[in-house]
């Protein structure tokens, strides 16, 4: 009888443990299903404000050029090379220009073409061996002409205000050598 009692005891214990485990699973399962039906989410999910990208600007078509008319009379300062800025009057009529600087008067032809917001100007003085390449900026009645990089004749003309200094080529400065330790001197005896 002893074996049967132990057998019944182990079998009873297994049934109790199995029932306990099964009921715990049912309770957890019931609790999960019960809580999901009683709890409702009343807050709305936050929406992120996505900024709309600015519409892409169309690329400039550098094959489209337009003849620019700089006609008008402009009074301002003219600087040629390293010389001082002098009072000057530039009169442009169509493709002809006349420049008066003090007692000197120069005339010739002028052509201006705008491409992608950049106005390129070519001026050829009568009797001069070569033309000058300039950049023009015209805003209202104001005109600024400056030599383009690489132009051998450095010229600048601007109306109103103070004359800006001529652009100079950038020069790279050598970096100072770093010292690795304190300098030591030996006293003379």
C-alpha atoms as a PDB file:
ATOM      1  CA  UNK A   1       0.000   0.000   0.000  1.00  0.00           C
ATOM      2  CA  UNK A   2       2.705   2.231   0.411  1.00  0.00           C
ATOM      3  CA  UNK A   3       3.459   2.531  -3.282  1.00  0.00           C
ATOM      4  CA  UNK A   4      -0.089   3.278  -4.131  1.00  0.00           C
ATOM      5  CA  UNK A   5      -0.276   6.040  -1.525  1.00  0.00           C
ATOM      6  CA  UNK A   6       2.837   7.691  -2.877  1.00  0.00           C
ATOM      7  CA  UNK A   7       1.540   7.241  -6.379  1.00  0.00           C
ATOM      8  CA  UNK A   8      -1.774   8.879  -5.485  1.00  0.00           C
ATOM      9  CA  UNK A   9      -0.006  11.665  -3.631  1.00  0.00           C
ATOM     10  CA  UNK A  10       2.268  12.465  -6.606  1.00  0.00           C
ATOM     11  CA  UNK A  11      -0.674  12.223  -8.982  1.00  0.00           C
ATOM     12  CA  UNK A  12      -2.732  14.549  -6.798  1.00  0.00           C
ATOM     13  CA  UNK A  13       0.132  16.997  -6.511  1.00  0.00           C
ATOM     14  CA  UNK A  14       0.563  16.985 -10.312  1.00  0.00           C
ATOM     15  CA  UNK A  15      -3.142  17.627 -10.783  1.00  0.00           C
ATOM     16  CA  UNK A  16      -3.078  20.488  -8.270  1.00  0.00           C
ATOM     17  CA  UNK A  17       0.028  22.064  -9.839  1.00  0.00           C
ATOM     18  CA  UNK A  18      -1.377  21.622 -13.363  1.00  0.00           C
ATOM     19  CA  UNK A  19      -4.681  23.128 -12.341  1.00  0.00           C
ATOM     20  CA  UNK A  20      -2.928  26.021 -10.631  1.00  0.00           C
ATOM     21  CA  UNK A  21      -0.860  26.723 -13.714  1.00  0.00           C
ATOM     22  CA  UNK A  22      -3.836  26.434 -16.014  1.00  0.00           C
ATOM     23  CA  UNK A  23      -5.971  28.706 -13.891  1.00  0.00           C
ATOM     24  CA  UNK A  24      -3.196  31.284 -13.627  1.00  0.00           C
ATOM     25  CA  UNK A  25      -2.965  31.354 -17.414  1.00  0.00           C
ATOM     26  CA  UNK A  26      -6.716  31.745 -17.729  1.00  0.00           C
ATOM     27  CA  UNK A  27      -6.769  34.529 -15.169  1.00  0.00           C
ATOM     28  CA  UNK A  28      -3.965  36.402 -16.985  1.00  0.00           C
ATOM     29  CA  UNK A  29      -5.651  35.783 -20.302  1.00  0.00           C
ATOM     30  CA  UNK A  30      -8.995  36.946 -18.962  1.00  0.00           C
ATOM     31  CA  UNK A  31      -7.403  39.969 -17.386  1.00  0.00           C
ATOM     32  CA  UNK A  32      -5.669  40.937 -20.651  1.00  0.00           C
ATOM     33  CA  UNK A  33      -8.818  40.572 -22.697  1.00  0.00           C
ATOM     34  CA  UNK A  34     -10.827  42.281 -20.014  1.00  0.00           C
ATOM     35  CA  UNK A  35      -8.478  45.249 -19.708  1.00  0.00           C
ATOM     36  CA  UNK A  36      -8.337  45.779 -23.451  1.00  0.00           C
ATOM     37  CA  UNK A  37     -12.069  46.185 -23.630  1.00  0.00           C
ATOM     38  CA  UNK A  38     -12.379  48.506 -20.667  1.00  0.00           C
ATOM     39  CA  UNK A  39      -9.453  50.817 -21.408  1.00  0.00           C
ATOM     40  CA  UNK A  40      -9.849  53.039 -24.443  1.00  0.00           C
ATOM     41  CA  UNK A  41      -7.262  55.420 -25.770  1.00  0.00           C
ATOM     42  CA  UNK A  42      -8.862  58.868 -25.889  1.00  0.00           C
ATOM     43  CA  UNK A  43      -5.750  60.798 -26.983  1.00  0.00           C
ATOM     44  CA  UNK A  44      -5.146  61.276 -30.658  1.00  0.00           C
ATOM     45  CA  UNK A  45      -1.700  60.407 -31.959  1.00  0.00           C
ATOM     46  CA  UNK A  46       0.429  63.480 -32.503  1.00  0.00           C
ATOM     47  CA  UNK A  47       0.904  64.349 -36.116  1.00  0.00           C
ATOM     48  CA  UNK A  48       4.240  65.713 -37.129  1.00  0.00           C
ATOM     49  CA  UNK A  49       4.164  68.926 -39.062  1.00  0.00           C
ATOM     50  CA  UNK A  50       6.176  68.294 -42.145  1.00  0.00           C
ATOM     51  CA  UNK A  51       7.397  71.429 -43.817  1.00  0.00           C
ATOM     52  CA  UNK A  52       6.714  71.467 -47.473  1.00  0.00           C
ATOM     53  CA  UNK A  53       9.842  71.916 -49.507  1.00  0.00           C
ATOM     54  CA  UNK A  54      10.092  75.181 -51.341  1.00  0.00           C
ATOM     55  CA  UNK A  55       9.349  74.725 -54.988  1.00  0.00           C
ATOM     56  CA  UNK A  56      12.541  74.089 -56.859  1.00  0.00           C
ATOM     57  CA  UNK A  57      13.802  77.102 -58.707  1.00  0.00           C
ATOM     58  CA  UNK A  58      14.301  76.297 -62.332  1.00  0.00           C
ATOM     59  CA  UNK A  59      17.906  76.138 -63.292  1.00  0.00           C
ATOM     60  CA  UNK A  60      19.156  78.993 -65.330  1.00  0.00           C
ATOM     61  CA  UNK A  61      19.581  78.210 -68.987  1.00  0.00           C
ATOM     62  CA  UNK A  62      22.977  79.663 -69.835  1.00  0.00           C
ATOM     63  CA  UNK A  63      22.266  79.358 -73.538  1.00  0.00           C
ATOM     64  CA  UNK A  64      19.598  82.063 -73.261  1.00  0.00           C
ATOM     65  CA  UNK A  65      21.156  85.493 -73.505  1.00  0.00           C
ATOM     66  CA  UNK A  66      19.534  88.847 -73.875  1.00  0.00           C
ATOM     67  CA  UNK A  67      20.993  92.081 -75.138  1.00  0.00           C
ATOM     68  CA  UNK A  68      20.990  94.607 -72.265  1.00  0.00           C
ATOM     69  CA  UNK A  69      20.520  98.304 -72.885  1.00  0.00           C
ATOM     70  CA  UNK A  70      22.604 100.419 -70.488  1.00  0.00           C
ATOM     71  CA  UNK A  71      21.531 103.688 -72.113  1.00  0.00           C
ATOM     72  CA  UNK A  72      21.612 106.662 -69.775  1.00  0.00           C
ATOM     73  CA  UNK A  73      23.887 109.285 -68.251  1.00  0.00           C
ATOM     74  CA  UNK A  74      25.726 108.241 -65.106  1.00  0.00           C
ATOM     75  CA  UNK A  75      27.781 110.510 -62.850  1.00  0.00           C
ATOM     76  CA  UNK A  76      30.149 108.925 -60.362  1.00  0.00           C
ATOM     77  CA  UNK A  77      33.748 107.956 -59.686  1.00  0.00           C
ATOM     78  CA  UNK A  78      36.160 106.222 -62.048  1.00  0.00           C
ATOM     79  CA  UNK A  79      39.270 104.394 -60.921  1.00  0.00           C
ATOM     80  CA  UNK A  80      41.811 103.143 -63.434  1.00  0.00           C
ATOM     81  CA  UNK A  81      44.658 100.925 -62.272  1.00  0.00           C
ATOM     82  CA  UNK A  82      46.492 102.270 -59.200  1.00  0.00           C
ATOM     83  CA  UNK A  83      45.519 105.876 -59.932  1.00  0.00           C
ATOM     84  CA  UNK A  84      43.212 107.837 -57.648  1.00  0.00           C
ATOM     85  CA  UNK A  85      39.446 107.800 -58.160  1.00  0.00           C
ATOM     86  CA  UNK A  86      38.295 110.778 -60.233  1.00  0.00           C
ATOM     87  CA  UNK A  87      34.901 112.325 -60.914  1.00  0.00           C
ATOM     88  CA  UNK A  88      33.514 111.021 -64.207  1.00  0.00           C
ATOM     89  CA  UNK A  89      30.387 111.102 -66.338  1.00  0.00           C
ATOM     90  CA  UNK A  90      29.537 108.143 -68.546  1.00  0.00           C
ATOM     91  CA  UNK A  91      26.908 108.585 -71.243  1.00  0.00           C
ATOM     92  CA  UNK A  92      25.637 105.473 -73.018  1.00  0.00           C
ATOM     93  CA  UNK A  93      23.381 105.697 -76.062  1.00  0.00           C
ATOM     94  CA  UNK A  94      22.573 102.327 -77.610  1.00  0.00           C
ATOM     95  CA  UNK A  95      25.929 100.706 -78.349  1.00  0.00           C
ATOM     96  CA  UNK A  96      27.979 103.948 -78.145  1.00  0.00           C
ATOM     97  CA  UNK A  97      29.493 105.536 -75.047  1.00  0.00           C
ATOM     98  CA  UNK A  98      31.268 108.747 -74.106  1.00  0.00           C
ATOM     99  CA  UNK A  99      33.234 109.097 -70.886  1.00  0.00           C
ATOM    100  CA  UNK A 100      34.323 112.469 -69.496  1.00  0.00           C
ATOM    101  CA  UNK A 101      36.968 112.466 -66.743  1.00  0.00           C
ATOM    102  CA  UNK A 102      38.093 115.985 -65.937  1.00  0.00           C
ATOM    103  CA  UNK A 103      39.575 117.386 -69.159  1.00  0.00           C
ATOM    104  CA  UNK A 104      39.762 113.971 -70.889  1.00  0.00           C
ATOM    105  CA  UNK A 105      37.018 112.576 -73.089  1.00  0.00           C
ATOM    106  CA  UNK A 106      36.946 109.025 -74.419  1.00  0.00           C
ATOM    107  CA  UNK A 107      34.361 107.436 -76.674  1.00  0.00           C
ATOM    108  CA  UNK A 108      33.786 104.071 -78.263  1.00  0.00           C
ATOM    109  CA  UNK A 109      31.417 101.137 -78.505  1.00  0.00           C
ATOM    110  CA  UNK A 110      29.797  99.155 -75.731  1.00  0.00           C
ATOM    111  CA  UNK A 111      27.921  95.840 -75.739  1.00  0.00           C
ATOM    112  CA  UNK A 112      26.149  94.311 -72.760  1.00  0.00           C
ATOM    113  CA  UNK A 113      24.647  90.824 -72.553  1.00  0.00           C
ATOM    114  CA  UNK A 114      22.824  89.324 -69.562  1.00  0.00           C
ATOM    115  CA  UNK A 115      22.890  85.594 -68.897  1.00  0.00           C
ATOM    116  CA  UNK A 116      21.504  84.057 -65.705  1.00  0.00           C
ATOM    117  CA  UNK A 117      21.515  87.414 -63.894  1.00  0.00           C
ATOM    118  CA  UNK A 118      25.140  88.205 -64.830  1.00  0.00           C
ATOM    119  CA  UNK A 119      25.661  91.164 -67.159  1.00  0.00           C
ATOM    120  CA  UNK A 120      28.862  90.992 -69.171  1.00  0.00           C
ATOM    121  CA  UNK A 121      30.055  94.211 -70.800  1.00  0.00           C
ATOM    122  CA  UNK A 122      32.632  94.724 -73.515  1.00  0.00           C
ATOM    123  CA  UNK A 123      33.915  98.269 -74.067  1.00  0.00           C
ATOM    124  CA  UNK A 124      36.179  99.266 -76.952  1.00  0.00           C
ATOM    125  CA  UNK A 125      37.583 102.805 -76.921  1.00  0.00           C
ATOM    126  CA  UNK A 126      38.270 104.416 -80.273  1.00  0.00           C
ATOM    127  CA  UNK A 127      41.921 104.002 -81.146  1.00  0.00           C
ATOM    128  CA  UNK A 128      42.519 101.398 -78.385  1.00  0.00           C
ATOM    129  CA  UNK A 129      44.199  98.152 -79.423  1.00  0.00           C
ATOM    130  CA  UNK A 130      41.989  95.917 -77.271  1.00  0.00           C
ATOM    131  CA  UNK A 131      38.553  95.761 -75.692  1.00  0.00           C
ATOM    132  CA  UNK A 132      37.928  95.700 -71.930  1.00  0.00           C
ATOM    133  CA  UNK A 133      35.851  93.003 -70.297  1.00  0.00           C
ATOM    134  CA  UNK A 134      33.687  94.282 -67.436  1.00  0.00           C
ATOM    135  CA  UNK A 135      30.801  93.217 -65.269  1.00  0.00           C
ATOM    136  CA  UNK A 136      27.810  95.543 -64.897  1.00  0.00           C
ATOM    137  CA  UNK A 137      25.363  95.851 -62.031  1.00  0.00           C
ATOM    138  CA  UNK A 138      22.481  98.195 -62.724  1.00  0.00           C
ATOM    139  CA  UNK A 139      19.874  98.938 -60.081  1.00  0.00           C
ATOM    140  CA  UNK A 140      17.484 101.743 -60.953  1.00  0.00           C
ATOM    141  CA  UNK A 141      19.572 104.743 -62.014  1.00  0.00           C
ATOM    142  CA  UNK A 142      22.721 103.334 -60.397  1.00  0.00           C
ATOM    143  CA  UNK A 143      25.426 101.638 -62.460  1.00  0.00           C
ATOM    144  CA  UNK A 144      28.569  99.837 -61.375  1.00  0.00           C
ATOM    145  CA  UNK A 145      31.175  98.582 -63.848  1.00  0.00           C
ATOM    146  CA  UNK A 146      34.131  96.483 -62.650  1.00  0.00           C
ATOM    147  CA  UNK A 147      36.882  94.618 -64.450  1.00  0.00           C
ATOM    148  CA  UNK A 148      36.471  90.858 -64.593  1.00  0.00           C
ATOM    149  CA  UNK A 149      39.199  88.637 -63.125  1.00  0.00           C
ATOM    150  CA  UNK A 150      42.075  88.318 -65.570  1.00  0.00           C
ATOM    151  CA  UNK A 151      41.366  91.635 -67.320  1.00  0.00           C
ATOM    152  CA  UNK A 152      44.741  93.406 -67.775  1.00  0.00           C
ATOM    153  CA  UNK A 153      43.207  96.898 -67.438  1.00  0.00           C
ATOM    154  CA  UNK A 154      41.750  97.250 -63.958  1.00  0.00           C
ATOM    155  CA  UNK A 155      38.852  99.694 -64.198  1.00  0.00           C
ATOM    156  CA  UNK A 156      35.974 100.484 -61.852  1.00  0.00           C
ATOM    157  CA  UNK A 157      33.157 102.961 -62.281  1.00  0.00           C
ATOM    158  CA  UNK A 158      30.390 103.480 -59.748  1.00  0.00           C
ATOM    159  CA  UNK A 159      27.622 106.012 -59.395  1.00  0.00           C
ATOM    160  CA  UNK A 160      26.793 107.658 -56.064  1.00  0.00           C
ATOM    161  CA  UNK A 161      28.318 106.820 -52.693  1.00  0.00           C
ATOM    162  CA  UNK A 162      31.957 106.213 -51.985  1.00  0.00           C
ATOM    163  CA  UNK A 163      34.245 104.456 -54.411  1.00  0.00           C
ATOM    164  CA  UNK A 164      34.914 100.904 -53.409  1.00  0.00           C
ATOM    165  CA  UNK A 165      38.488  99.753 -53.385  1.00  0.00           C
ATOM    166  CA  UNK A 166      39.652  97.767 -56.350  1.00  0.00           C
ATOM    167  CA  UNK A 167      39.661  94.025 -55.883  1.00  0.00           C
ATOM    168  CA  UNK A 168      43.149  92.644 -55.566  1.00  0.00           C
ATOM    169  CA  UNK A 169      44.194  89.065 -56.210  1.00  0.00           C
ATOM    170  CA  UNK A 170      44.226  87.039 -53.048  1.00  0.00           C
ATOM    171  CA  UNK A 171      47.618  86.215 -51.707  1.00  0.00           C
ATOM    172  CA  UNK A 172      48.070  83.166 -49.585  1.00  0.00           C
ATOM    173  CA  UNK A 173      49.961  83.791 -46.405  1.00  0.00           C
ATOM    174  CA  UNK A 174      52.401  81.221 -45.161  1.00  0.00           C
ATOM    175  CA  UNK A 175      51.419  79.813 -41.802  1.00  0.00           C
ATOM    176  CA  UNK A 176      53.804  80.533 -38.959  1.00  0.00           C
ATOM    177  CA  UNK A 177      55.804  77.530 -37.915  1.00  0.00           C
ATOM    178  CA  UNK A 178      54.735  76.156 -34.585  1.00  0.00           C
ATOM    179  CA  UNK A 179      57.395  75.839 -31.933  1.00  0.00           C
ATOM    180  CA  UNK A 180      57.601  72.500 -30.189  1.00  0.00           C
ATOM    181  CA  UNK A 181      59.081  73.660 -26.920  1.00  0.00           C
ATOM    182  CA  UNK A 182      60.222  76.650 -24.972  1.00  0.00           C
ATOM    183  CA  UNK A 183      63.301  78.403 -26.305  1.00  0.00           C
ATOM    184  CA  UNK A 184      66.351  77.998 -24.176  1.00  0.00           C
ATOM    185  CA  UNK A 185      69.330  80.277 -24.029  1.00  0.00           C
ATOM    186  CA  UNK A 186      72.711  79.603 -22.643  1.00  0.00           C
ATOM    187  CA  UNK A 187      74.217  82.374 -20.605  1.00  0.00           C
ATOM    188  CA  UNK A 188      77.653  83.647 -21.731  1.00  0.00           C
ATOM    189  CA  UNK A 189      80.467  83.209 -19.300  1.00  0.00           C
END
